[in-house]
N, C-alpha and C. Protein backbone atom coordinates (compact mmCIF):
# COMPACT_ATOMS: atom_id res chain seq x y z
N MET A 1 91.94 121.08 113.20
CA MET A 1 92.74 121.35 114.38
C MET A 1 92.03 120.74 115.58
N GLN A 2 92.80 120.12 116.45
CA GLN A 2 92.26 119.43 117.62
C GLN A 2 93.07 119.83 118.85
N GLU A 3 92.37 119.97 119.98
CA GLU A 3 93.03 120.32 121.24
C GLU A 3 92.85 119.17 122.22
N TYR A 4 93.96 118.72 122.83
CA TYR A 4 93.94 117.60 123.76
C TYR A 4 94.37 118.06 125.15
N GLN A 5 93.64 117.60 126.16
CA GLN A 5 94.01 117.91 127.54
C GLN A 5 95.25 117.09 127.91
N ILE A 6 96.04 117.66 128.82
CA ILE A 6 97.24 117.00 129.29
C ILE A 6 96.99 116.49 130.71
N LYS A 7 97.36 115.26 130.96
CA LYS A 7 97.19 114.66 132.28
C LYS A 7 98.06 115.38 133.31
N ARG A 8 97.54 115.49 134.51
CA ARG A 8 98.30 116.12 135.59
C ARG A 8 99.65 115.43 135.73
N GLY A 9 100.69 116.23 135.87
CA GLY A 9 102.04 115.68 135.98
C GLY A 9 102.77 115.70 134.64
N TYR A 10 102.03 115.76 133.55
CA TYR A 10 102.64 115.80 132.22
C TYR A 10 102.81 117.24 131.73
N THR A 11 102.13 118.19 132.36
CA THR A 11 102.17 119.58 131.89
C THR A 11 103.51 120.25 132.14
N LYS A 12 104.20 119.84 133.21
CA LYS A 12 105.46 120.48 133.58
C LYS A 12 106.50 120.39 132.46
N ASP A 13 106.57 119.25 131.80
CA ASP A 13 107.58 119.03 130.76
C ASP A 13 106.97 119.03 129.35
N LEU A 14 105.83 119.69 129.18
CA LEU A 14 105.13 119.63 127.90
C LEU A 14 105.99 120.09 126.73
N ALA A 15 106.69 121.20 126.88
CA ALA A 15 107.51 121.74 125.79
C ALA A 15 108.54 120.71 125.32
N GLU A 16 109.18 120.04 126.27
CA GLU A 16 110.18 119.02 125.93
C GLU A 16 109.53 117.76 125.36
N SER A 17 108.44 117.32 125.98
CA SER A 17 107.83 116.05 125.56
C SER A 17 107.17 116.17 124.19
N MET A 18 106.69 117.36 123.82
CA MET A 18 106.12 117.54 122.48
C MET A 18 107.16 117.22 121.41
N VAL A 19 108.36 117.77 121.60
CA VAL A 19 109.44 117.60 120.63
C VAL A 19 110.00 116.18 120.70
N GLN A 20 110.26 115.69 121.90
CA GLN A 20 110.82 114.35 122.06
C GLN A 20 109.86 113.30 121.53
N GLY A 21 108.57 113.49 121.73
CA GLY A 21 107.57 112.56 121.22
C GLY A 21 107.60 112.47 119.71
N LEU A 22 107.77 113.61 119.04
CA LEU A 22 107.87 113.61 117.58
C LEU A 22 109.10 112.82 117.14
N ARG A 23 110.21 113.02 117.83
CA ARG A 23 111.43 112.27 117.51
C ARG A 23 111.23 110.78 117.73
N ASP A 24 110.66 110.43 118.89
CA ASP A 24 110.48 109.02 119.26
C ASP A 24 109.53 108.29 118.31
N GLN A 25 108.38 108.89 118.03
CA GLN A 25 107.34 108.20 117.28
C GLN A 25 107.51 108.28 115.77
N PHE A 26 108.06 109.38 115.28
CA PHE A 26 108.16 109.55 113.83
C PHE A 26 109.59 109.48 113.32
N GLY A 27 110.57 109.38 114.22
CA GLY A 27 111.95 109.19 113.84
C GLY A 27 112.55 110.31 113.02
N THR A 28 112.08 111.51 113.27
CA THR A 28 112.57 112.66 112.50
C THR A 28 112.67 113.88 113.40
N GLU A 29 113.54 114.78 113.04
CA GLU A 29 113.72 116.01 113.82
C GLU A 29 112.67 117.03 113.35
N PRO A 30 111.84 117.54 114.27
CA PRO A 30 110.81 118.49 113.86
C PRO A 30 111.39 119.85 113.46
N VAL A 31 110.70 120.50 112.54
CA VAL A 31 111.04 121.86 112.14
C VAL A 31 110.39 122.79 113.15
N THR A 32 111.17 123.72 113.69
CA THR A 32 110.67 124.64 114.70
C THR A 32 110.42 126.01 114.09
N SER A 33 109.26 126.59 114.39
CA SER A 33 108.99 127.95 113.92
C SER A 33 109.15 128.90 115.11
N GLU A 34 109.26 130.19 114.82
CA GLU A 34 109.52 131.16 115.88
C GLU A 34 108.34 131.31 116.85
N ASN A 35 107.14 130.84 116.46
CA ASN A 35 105.99 130.97 117.35
C ASN A 35 105.77 129.73 118.22
N GLY A 36 106.78 128.85 118.32
CA GLY A 36 106.69 127.70 119.21
C GLY A 36 105.95 126.52 118.63
N HIS A 37 105.75 126.48 117.32
CA HIS A 37 105.10 125.36 116.66
C HIS A 37 106.18 124.41 116.13
N TYR A 38 105.88 123.11 116.20
CA TYR A 38 106.80 122.08 115.72
C TYR A 38 106.10 121.28 114.63
N THR A 39 106.78 121.06 113.52
CA THR A 39 106.16 120.41 112.37
C THR A 39 107.02 119.26 111.87
N VAL A 40 106.33 118.14 111.53
CA VAL A 40 106.99 117.01 110.87
C VAL A 40 106.12 116.54 109.70
N THR A 41 106.75 115.82 108.80
CA THR A 41 106.06 115.15 107.70
C THR A 41 106.41 113.68 107.84
N TYR A 42 105.37 112.83 107.81
CA TYR A 42 105.63 111.40 107.94
C TYR A 42 104.48 110.61 107.32
N GLY A 43 104.81 109.62 106.53
CA GLY A 43 103.82 108.68 105.99
C GLY A 43 102.62 109.35 105.37
N ALA A 44 101.44 109.10 105.94
CA ALA A 44 100.18 109.62 105.41
C ALA A 44 99.91 111.06 105.86
N LEU A 45 100.86 111.66 106.59
CA LEU A 45 100.69 113.04 107.03
C LEU A 45 101.62 113.96 106.24
N GLN A 46 101.04 114.80 105.41
CA GLN A 46 101.85 115.79 104.71
C GLN A 46 102.38 116.81 105.70
N ARG A 47 101.57 117.05 106.75
CA ARG A 47 101.99 118.01 107.78
C ARG A 47 101.35 117.64 109.10
N LEU A 48 102.16 117.54 110.14
CA LEU A 48 101.70 117.36 111.52
C LEU A 48 102.34 118.49 112.30
N GLU A 49 101.52 119.41 112.77
CA GLU A 49 102.01 120.59 113.49
C GLU A 49 101.44 120.57 114.90
N VAL A 50 102.31 120.74 115.89
CA VAL A 50 101.88 120.73 117.29
C VAL A 50 102.41 121.95 118.02
N TRP A 51 101.64 122.40 119.02
CA TRP A 51 102.08 123.48 119.90
C TRP A 51 101.27 123.40 121.18
N SER A 52 101.74 124.08 122.22
CA SER A 52 101.03 124.02 123.49
C SER A 52 99.94 125.09 123.52
N GLY A 53 98.84 124.72 124.15
CA GLY A 53 97.70 125.62 124.25
C GLY A 53 97.84 126.58 125.42
N ALA A 54 96.75 127.23 125.74
CA ALA A 54 96.71 128.24 126.80
C ALA A 54 97.24 127.70 128.12
N GLY A 55 98.21 128.39 128.68
CA GLY A 55 98.76 128.03 129.97
C GLY A 55 99.58 126.75 129.97
N GLY A 56 99.85 126.20 128.79
CA GLY A 56 100.62 124.96 128.71
C GLY A 56 99.89 123.77 129.27
N LYS A 57 98.56 123.80 129.27
CA LYS A 57 97.77 122.70 129.84
C LYS A 57 97.09 121.86 128.77
N THR A 58 97.26 122.25 127.50
CA THR A 58 96.69 121.47 126.40
C THR A 58 97.71 121.36 125.27
N LEU A 59 97.50 120.37 124.42
CA LEU A 59 98.30 120.17 123.22
C LEU A 59 97.39 120.44 122.04
N ILE A 60 97.82 121.32 121.15
CA ILE A 60 97.03 121.61 119.96
C ILE A 60 97.74 120.96 118.77
N VAL A 61 96.95 120.24 117.98
CA VAL A 61 97.48 119.49 116.85
C VAL A 61 96.72 119.88 115.59
N ASP A 62 97.47 120.18 114.54
CA ASP A 62 96.87 120.47 113.24
C ASP A 62 97.54 119.54 112.24
N THR A 63 96.72 118.85 111.43
CA THR A 63 97.27 117.89 110.48
C THR A 63 96.76 118.15 109.07
N GLU A 64 97.53 117.68 108.12
CA GLU A 64 97.13 117.70 106.72
C GLU A 64 97.49 116.33 106.17
N ALA A 65 96.47 115.60 105.69
CA ALA A 65 96.67 114.22 105.25
C ALA A 65 97.07 114.13 103.78
N ASP A 66 97.82 113.08 103.49
CA ASP A 66 98.17 112.75 102.10
C ASP A 66 97.08 111.81 101.59
N LYS A 67 96.22 112.31 100.75
CA LYS A 67 95.06 111.53 100.28
C LYS A 67 95.45 110.38 99.36
N ASP A 68 96.69 110.36 98.89
CA ASP A 68 97.14 109.31 97.98
C ASP A 68 97.90 108.19 98.69
N ALA A 69 97.97 108.23 100.01
CA ALA A 69 98.73 107.22 100.77
C ALA A 69 98.02 105.86 100.70
N ASP A 70 98.81 104.78 100.68
CA ASP A 70 98.22 103.45 100.66
C ASP A 70 97.79 103.03 102.06
N ASP A 71 96.99 101.97 102.13
CA ASP A 71 96.41 101.52 103.41
C ASP A 71 97.47 101.21 104.46
N GLU A 72 98.52 100.53 104.07
CA GLU A 72 99.57 100.15 105.03
C GLU A 72 100.23 101.39 105.63
N THR A 73 100.48 102.39 104.81
CA THR A 73 101.08 103.64 105.28
C THR A 73 100.14 104.36 106.23
N ILE A 74 98.86 104.37 105.89
CA ILE A 74 97.85 105.03 106.75
C ILE A 74 97.78 104.36 108.11
N ILE A 75 97.76 103.03 108.13
CA ILE A 75 97.69 102.29 109.39
C ILE A 75 98.92 102.57 110.25
N ASP A 76 100.11 102.53 109.65
CA ASP A 76 101.34 102.81 110.38
C ASP A 76 101.34 104.24 110.93
N THR A 77 100.94 105.19 110.11
CA THR A 77 100.92 106.60 110.53
C THR A 77 99.93 106.81 111.66
N ASN A 78 98.74 106.22 111.56
CA ASN A 78 97.73 106.36 112.62
C ASN A 78 98.23 105.77 113.94
N ARG A 79 98.89 104.61 113.86
CA ARG A 79 99.43 103.97 115.08
C ARG A 79 100.47 104.89 115.74
N ARG A 80 101.37 105.43 114.94
CA ARG A 80 102.40 106.32 115.47
C ARG A 80 101.78 107.59 116.06
N PHE A 81 100.76 108.11 115.39
CA PHE A 81 100.09 109.32 115.88
C PHE A 81 99.40 109.06 117.22
N ARG A 82 98.71 107.94 117.36
CA ARG A 82 98.07 107.59 118.63
C ARG A 82 99.11 107.41 119.73
N ASN A 83 100.23 106.75 119.40
CA ASN A 83 101.32 106.58 120.38
C ASN A 83 101.90 107.93 120.79
N TYR A 84 102.03 108.83 119.83
CA TYR A 84 102.54 110.17 120.13
C TYR A 84 101.61 110.88 121.11
N LEU A 85 100.30 110.86 120.83
CA LEU A 85 99.35 111.52 121.72
C LEU A 85 99.39 110.92 123.12
N GLN A 86 99.51 109.61 123.22
CA GLN A 86 99.58 108.99 124.54
C GLN A 86 100.86 109.38 125.27
N GLN A 87 101.97 109.42 124.55
CA GLN A 87 103.26 109.78 125.16
C GLN A 87 103.23 111.21 125.69
N VAL A 88 102.63 112.12 124.96
CA VAL A 88 102.65 113.53 125.34
C VAL A 88 101.54 113.89 126.32
N THR A 89 100.32 113.38 126.10
CA THR A 89 99.19 113.77 126.96
C THR A 89 99.07 112.90 128.20
N GLY A 90 99.56 111.66 128.13
CA GLY A 90 99.42 110.75 129.26
C GLY A 90 98.11 109.99 129.25
N TYR A 91 97.25 110.26 128.26
CA TYR A 91 95.95 109.58 128.15
C TYR A 91 95.96 108.59 126.99
N THR A 92 95.33 107.42 127.21
CA THR A 92 95.18 106.44 126.14
C THR A 92 94.11 106.93 125.17
N ALA A 93 94.00 106.26 124.02
CA ALA A 93 93.00 106.63 123.02
C ALA A 93 91.59 106.55 123.62
N LYS A 94 91.35 105.53 124.42
CA LYS A 94 90.04 105.34 125.05
C LYS A 94 89.74 106.50 126.01
N GLU A 95 90.73 106.89 126.81
CA GLU A 95 90.55 108.00 127.76
C GLU A 95 90.34 109.32 127.02
N ARG A 96 91.06 109.54 125.92
CA ARG A 96 90.90 110.76 125.13
C ARG A 96 89.50 110.83 124.53
N ALA A 97 89.00 109.68 124.05
CA ALA A 97 87.66 109.65 123.46
C ALA A 97 86.60 109.96 124.52
N LYS A 98 86.79 109.42 125.72
CA LYS A 98 85.84 109.66 126.81
C LYS A 98 85.83 111.14 127.18
N LYS A 99 87.01 111.77 127.24
CA LYS A 99 87.11 113.20 127.58
C LYS A 99 86.47 114.05 126.48
N ALA A 100 86.70 113.69 125.24
CA ALA A 100 86.12 114.45 124.13
C ALA A 100 84.61 114.35 124.13
N LYS A 101 84.08 113.17 124.45
CA LYS A 101 82.63 112.97 124.51
C LYS A 101 82.04 113.81 125.63
N LYS A 102 82.74 113.85 126.77
CA LYS A 102 82.28 114.61 127.92
C LYS A 102 82.19 116.11 127.59
N LEU A 103 83.15 116.60 126.80
CA LEU A 103 83.18 118.02 126.44
C LEU A 103 82.03 118.41 125.51
N THR A 104 81.55 117.46 124.69
CA THR A 104 80.48 117.77 123.74
C THR A 104 79.10 117.63 124.35
N GLU A 105 79.00 117.02 125.50
CA GLU A 105 77.69 116.83 126.15
C GLU A 105 77.20 118.10 126.82
């Protein structure tokens, strides 16, 4: 499970952008649970589950990988996942890595 900070200005529409991002990047309608979690299955991900963190200021992501996926599927899935995170959080992969490094220091 991983928690990502949301860029200022992106938090207001987080609930909508979480769902729309899944539709846009993975081309599928997410399954909604009563506790506000959204789940999709795509490519090398047997399960991608997202929900908003405390105060709606973070995105929490839990994944389960398909260990039998081929390299091409893994690459495509990773690209879509990175695009999803950028669409929802407003941060590029480089910015997310910098923030994560800062938190561990």
